[in-house]
Amino acid sequence: SPMQRLVAEWLAERARFVGSLIGLTDEQFNSETAPNQWTYRVVAKHVLTLERESLKTIAADRAARAGDG
């Protein structure tokens, strides 16, 4: 289904993202991605926060739809 494909793509991208962070030293993780840009740590925190909030929104939407039926 389209939803299953979307979830599979999300999981694959998430795995690639996490994989790109594996092996970084603390110094690298805390360094900027480019001059005057976010650090890798801030990027990771932002991505994980966005993911968490997105999952909450999806769960709330599904619960609301289940209540309608």
N, C-alpha and C. Protein backbone atom coordinates (compact mmCIF):
# COMPACT_ATOMS: atom_id res chain seq x y z
N SER A 1 0.84 -1.19 0.00
CA SER A 1 0.00 0.00 0.00
C SER A 1 0.89 1.25 0.00
N PRO A 2 0.33 2.37 -0.35
CA PRO A 2 1.12 3.62 -0.31
C PRO A 2 1.67 3.92 1.09
N MET A 3 0.88 3.65 2.14
CA MET A 3 1.36 3.90 3.50
C MET A 3 2.52 2.98 3.85
N GLN A 4 2.43 1.73 3.47
CA GLN A 4 3.53 0.80 3.74
C GLN A 4 4.80 1.22 3.02
N ARG A 5 4.65 1.68 1.80
CA ARG A 5 5.81 2.15 1.03
C ARG A 5 6.42 3.38 1.69
N LEU A 6 5.57 4.30 2.15
CA LEU A 6 6.04 5.50 2.82
C LEU A 6 6.80 5.15 4.10
N VAL A 7 6.25 4.24 4.89
CA VAL A 7 6.91 3.82 6.13
C VAL A 7 8.24 3.13 5.82
N ALA A 8 8.26 2.31 4.80
CA ALA A 8 9.51 1.63 4.41
C ALA A 8 10.57 2.64 3.98
N GLU A 9 10.17 3.65 3.22
CA GLU A 9 11.12 4.69 2.79
C GLU A 9 11.61 5.49 3.99
N TRP A 10 10.71 5.81 4.91
CA TRP A 10 11.08 6.55 6.12
C TRP A 10 12.10 5.75 6.93
N LEU A 11 11.84 4.46 7.13
CA LEU A 11 12.76 3.62 7.91
C LEU A 11 14.12 3.50 7.22
N ALA A 12 14.12 3.39 5.91
CA ALA A 12 15.39 3.31 5.18
C ALA A 12 16.19 4.60 5.32
N GLU A 13 15.52 5.75 5.19
CA GLU A 13 16.20 7.04 5.34
C GLU A 13 16.68 7.23 6.77
N ARG A 14 15.89 6.81 7.73
CA ARG A 14 16.28 6.92 9.14
C ARG A 14 17.53 6.09 9.39
N ALA A 15 17.56 4.89 8.85
CA ALA A 15 18.73 4.02 9.02
C ALA A 15 19.97 4.65 8.38
N ARG A 16 19.81 5.25 7.20
CA ARG A 16 20.94 5.93 6.55
C ARG A 16 21.43 7.10 7.40
N PHE A 17 20.49 7.86 7.96
CA PHE A 17 20.85 9.00 8.79
C PHE A 17 21.63 8.54 10.02
N VAL A 18 21.09 7.59 10.74
CA VAL A 18 21.76 7.09 11.94
C VAL A 18 23.12 6.49 11.56
N GLY A 19 23.16 5.77 10.45
CA GLY A 19 24.42 5.19 10.00
C GLY A 19 25.48 6.23 9.72
N SER A 20 25.05 7.40 9.25
CA SER A 20 26.01 8.46 8.95
C SER A 20 26.62 9.05 10.22
N LEU A 21 25.97 8.86 11.35
CA LEU A 21 26.47 9.38 12.62
C LEU A 21 27.36 8.39 13.37
N ILE A 22 27.21 7.12 13.03
CA ILE A 22 27.99 6.09 13.71
C ILE A 22 29.47 6.29 13.41
N GLY A 23 30.25 6.23 14.45
CA GLY A 23 31.69 6.36 14.29
C GLY A 23 32.22 7.77 14.48
N LEU A 24 31.31 8.76 14.56
CA LEU A 24 31.77 10.11 14.81
C LEU A 24 32.30 10.21 16.25
N THR A 25 33.39 10.91 16.42
CA THR A 25 33.87 11.17 17.77
C THR A 25 32.99 12.25 18.39
N ASP A 26 33.10 12.45 19.69
CA ASP A 26 32.34 13.52 20.33
C ASP A 26 32.70 14.87 19.71
N GLU A 27 33.97 15.05 19.42
CA GLU A 27 34.40 16.31 18.81
C GLU A 27 33.75 16.51 17.45
N GLN A 28 33.70 15.47 16.64
CA GLN A 28 33.06 15.57 15.33
C GLN A 28 31.56 15.80 15.48
N PHE A 29 30.93 15.07 16.40
CA PHE A 29 29.49 15.17 16.61
C PHE A 29 29.09 16.57 17.05
N ASN A 30 29.99 17.23 17.78
CA ASN A 30 29.72 18.57 18.27
C ASN A 30 30.23 19.67 17.35
N SER A 31 30.79 19.28 16.20
CA SER A 31 31.29 20.29 15.26
C SER A 31 30.18 20.71 14.31
N GLU A 32 30.36 21.89 13.72
CA GLU A 32 29.36 22.42 12.79
C GLU A 32 29.41 21.64 11.48
N THR A 33 28.26 21.50 10.86
CA THR A 33 28.17 20.80 9.58
C THR A 33 28.83 21.61 8.47
N ALA A 34 28.87 22.90 8.65
CA ALA A 34 29.53 23.86 7.77
C ALA A 34 29.77 25.11 8.61
N PRO A 35 30.65 26.00 8.19
CA PRO A 35 30.89 27.20 9.00
C PRO A 35 29.59 27.95 9.33
N ASN A 36 29.44 28.25 10.60
CA ASN A 36 28.27 29.00 11.11
C ASN A 36 26.94 28.26 10.89
N GLN A 37 26.99 26.95 10.86
CA GLN A 37 25.78 26.14 10.70
C GLN A 37 25.58 25.29 11.95
N TRP A 38 24.47 24.54 11.98
CA TRP A 38 24.17 23.67 13.11
C TRP A 38 25.25 22.61 13.27
N THR A 39 25.40 22.12 14.51
CA THR A 39 26.30 20.99 14.74
C THR A 39 25.56 19.70 14.37
N TYR A 40 26.33 18.65 14.20
CA TYR A 40 25.70 17.35 13.92
C TYR A 40 24.78 16.95 15.06
N ARG A 41 25.17 17.26 16.29
CA ARG A 41 24.34 16.95 17.46
C ARG A 41 22.99 17.67 17.37
N VAL A 42 23.00 18.95 17.01
CA VAL A 42 21.76 19.72 16.91
C VAL A 42 20.90 19.19 15.76
N VAL A 43 21.53 18.84 14.66
CA VAL A 43 20.78 18.26 13.53
C VAL A 43 20.10 16.97 13.98
N ALA A 44 20.84 16.10 14.65
CA ALA A 44 20.27 14.82 15.11
C ALA A 44 19.11 15.06 16.06
N LYS A 45 19.30 15.98 17.01
CA LYS A 45 18.22 16.27 17.96
C LYS A 45 16.99 16.82 17.24
N HIS A 46 17.21 17.70 16.28
CA HIS A 46 16.10 18.28 15.51
C HIS A 46 15.35 17.18 14.74
N VAL A 47 16.08 16.32 14.07
CA VAL A 47 15.45 15.25 13.29
C VAL A 47 14.64 14.33 14.21
N LEU A 48 15.22 13.95 15.34
CA LEU A 48 14.52 13.05 16.25
C LEU A 48 13.29 13.71 16.88
N THR A 49 13.38 15.00 17.19
CA THR A 49 12.22 15.72 17.73
C THR A 49 11.11 15.81 16.68
N LEU A 50 11.48 16.14 15.46
CA LEU A 50 10.50 16.21 14.37
C LEU A 50 9.85 14.85 14.16
N GLU A 51 10.65 13.79 14.19
CA GLU A 51 10.11 12.44 14.03
C GLU A 51 9.13 12.11 15.15
N ARG A 52 9.49 12.41 16.37
CA ARG A 52 8.62 12.13 17.52
C ARG A 52 7.30 12.88 17.39
N GLU A 53 7.37 14.15 17.05
CA GLU A 53 6.16 14.96 16.90
C GLU A 53 5.30 14.47 15.73
N SER A 54 5.94 14.05 14.66
CA SER A 54 5.20 13.51 13.51
C SER A 54 4.47 12.23 13.89
N LEU A 55 5.13 11.37 14.64
CA LEU A 55 4.49 10.12 15.07
C LEU A 55 3.32 10.40 16.01
N LYS A 56 3.46 11.39 16.88
CA LYS A 56 2.34 11.76 17.76
C LYS A 56 1.16 12.25 16.94
N THR A 57 1.43 13.05 15.92
CA THR A 57 0.37 13.58 15.06
C THR A 57 -0.32 12.45 14.31
N ILE A 58 0.45 11.51 13.80
CA ILE A 58 -0.12 10.37 13.08
C ILE A 58 -0.98 9.54 14.03
N ALA A 59 -0.48 9.28 15.24
CA ALA A 59 -1.25 8.49 16.21
C ALA A 59 -2.55 9.20 16.58
N ALA A 60 -2.49 10.51 16.78
CA ALA A 60 -3.71 11.25 17.12
C ALA A 60 -4.70 11.22 15.98
N ASP A 61 -4.21 11.34 14.76
CA ASP A 61 -5.09 11.29 13.59
C ASP A 61 -5.75 9.93 13.47
N ARG A 62 -4.96 8.88 13.67
CA ARG A 62 -5.53 7.53 13.59
C ARG A 62 -6.56 7.30 14.68
N ALA A 63 -6.28 7.80 15.89
CA ALA A 63 -7.25 7.65 16.99
C ALA A 63 -8.54 8.40 16.68
N ALA A 64 -8.41 9.59 16.13
CA ALA A 64 -9.59 10.37 15.77
C ALA A 64 -10.39 9.67 14.70
N ARG A 65 -9.71 9.10 13.72
CA ARG A 65 -10.43 8.38 12.65
C ARG A 65 -11.12 7.13 13.21
N ALA A 66 -10.47 6.45 14.14
CA ALA A 66 -11.08 5.26 14.73
C ALA A 66 -12.32 5.63 15.55
N GLY A 67 -12.29 6.81 16.16
CA GLY A 67 -13.44 7.28 16.92
C GLY A 67 -14.61 7.69 16.06
N ASP A 68 -14.33 8.03 14.80
CA ASP A 68 -15.39 8.45 13.88
C ASP A 68 -16.20 7.26 13.35
N GLY A 69 -15.59 6.09 13.42
CA GLY A 69 -16.24 4.96 12.77
C GLY A 69 -17.02 4.12 13.63
